[in-house]
Protein backbone atom coordinates (compact mmCIF):
# COMPACT_ATOMS: atom_id res chain seq x y z
CA UNK A 1 0.09 0.26 -0.10
CA UNK A 2 1.19 3.15 -0.45
CA UNK A 3 0.89 6.44 1.61
CA UNK A 4 -1.30 8.88 0.03
CA UNK A 5 0.58 12.43 -0.14
CA UNK A 6 0.05 15.33 -1.95
CA UNK A 7 -0.41 15.26 -6.17
CA UNK A 8 2.83 15.54 -8.37
CA UNK A 9 3.66 19.02 -9.73
CA UNK A 10 3.02 17.41 -13.33
CA UNK A 11 -0.43 16.58 -11.96
CA UNK A 12 -1.71 19.85 -10.88
CA UNK A 13 0.06 21.29 -13.86
CA UNK A 14 -1.84 25.33 -14.79
CA UNK A 15 -5.37 24.50 -12.37
CA UNK A 16 -3.50 25.67 -9.51
CA UNK A 17 -2.89 29.58 -10.97
CA UNK A 18 -6.23 29.65 -12.80
CA UNK A 19 -7.91 28.65 -9.28
CA UNK A 20 -6.17 31.24 -7.18
CA UNK A 21 -7.22 34.38 -6.50
CA UNK A 22 -6.48 37.45 -9.10
CA UNK A 23 -3.74 39.29 -7.82
CA UNK A 24 -4.17 43.09 -8.15
CA UNK A 25 -1.06 44.90 -9.92
CA UNK A 26 1.34 46.53 -8.08
CA UNK A 27 0.60 50.11 -9.84
CA UNK A 28 -3.22 49.57 -8.93
CA UNK A 29 -1.95 49.01 -5.26
CA UNK A 30 0.76 51.73 -5.17
CA UNK A 31 -2.28 53.99 -6.55
CA UNK A 32 -4.63 52.69 -3.96
CA UNK A 33 -2.51 53.23 -1.08
CA UNK A 34 -0.99 56.74 -2.44
CA UNK A 35 -5.52 57.46 -2.31
CA UNK A 36 -5.56 56.28 0.75
CA UNK A 37 -2.71 58.35 2.47
CA UNK A 38 -3.51 61.50 0.37
CA UNK A 39 -7.53 61.33 1.63
CA UNK A 40 -6.17 60.77 5.52
CA UNK A 41 -3.77 63.78 5.08
CA UNK A 42 -6.82 65.90 3.85
CA UNK A 43 -8.94 64.27 6.79
CA UNK A 44 -6.07 65.52 9.28
CA UNK A 45 -5.58 68.79 8.06
CA UNK A 46 -9.67 69.36 8.07
CA UNK A 47 -9.90 67.94 11.04
CA UNK A 48 -6.46 70.25 12.40
CA UNK A 49 -9.02 73.74 11.29
CA UNK A 50 -12.08 72.70 12.68
CA UNK A 51 -9.37 72.27 15.96
CA UNK A 52 -8.21 75.81 16.22
CA UNK A 53 -11.97 77.04 15.09
CA UNK A 54 -13.39 75.90 18.03
CA UNK A 55 -10.28 76.73 20.24
CA UNK A 56 -10.49 80.24 19.14
CA UNK A 57 -14.21 80.51 19.60
CA UNK A 58 -14.17 78.75 22.87
CA UNK A 59 -13.40 82.18 25.06
CA UNK A 60 -10.23 81.29 25.98
CA UNK A 61 -7.82 84.45 27.01
CA UNK A 62 -5.45 85.87 24.66
CA UNK A 63 -2.20 84.46 26.81
CA UNK A 64 -3.72 80.99 27.14
CA UNK A 65 -4.10 81.07 23.56
CA UNK A 66 -0.66 82.19 22.56
CA UNK A 67 0.81 79.31 24.77
CA UNK A 68 -1.08 76.83 23.05
CA UNK A 69 -0.53 77.62 19.37
CA UNK A 70 3.27 77.86 20.74
CA UNK A 71 2.93 74.02 21.81
CA UNK A 72 1.35 72.97 18.69
CA UNK A 73 4.07 74.83 15.74
CA UNK A 74 6.84 71.79 16.47
CA UNK A 75 4.28 69.16 16.12
CA UNK A 76 2.92 71.04 13.00
CA UNK A 77 5.94 71.12 11.14
CA UNK A 78 7.29 67.77 11.69
CA UNK A 79 3.80 66.71 10.21
CA UNK A 80 4.10 68.90 7.45
CA UNK A 81 7.46 67.48 6.37
CA UNK A 82 6.99 63.78 7.06
CA UNK A 83 2.97 63.73 5.55
CA UNK A 84 3.13 66.43 3.38
CA UNK A 85 6.57 65.94 1.88
CA UNK A 86 5.98 62.37 1.24
CA UNK A 87 3.09 63.49 -0.68
């Protein structure tokens, strides 16, 4: 008696390739990834603008508001260099 093992590669032939799920081309996948990053960048910028509008209209005194904006300068600069520079 012989042990049943996996079929010989010659028996499978090209059927294995036909039954596999279709693979997206690398250029299409790259374009989709670029759109996702661009969309996330846009959403981030809009939410940042909403944050500024809410804080400015929230009645925060002038000195505290200046301190808030000064604290966010460096993180915003790093974000612009990394995210916007990548686009």
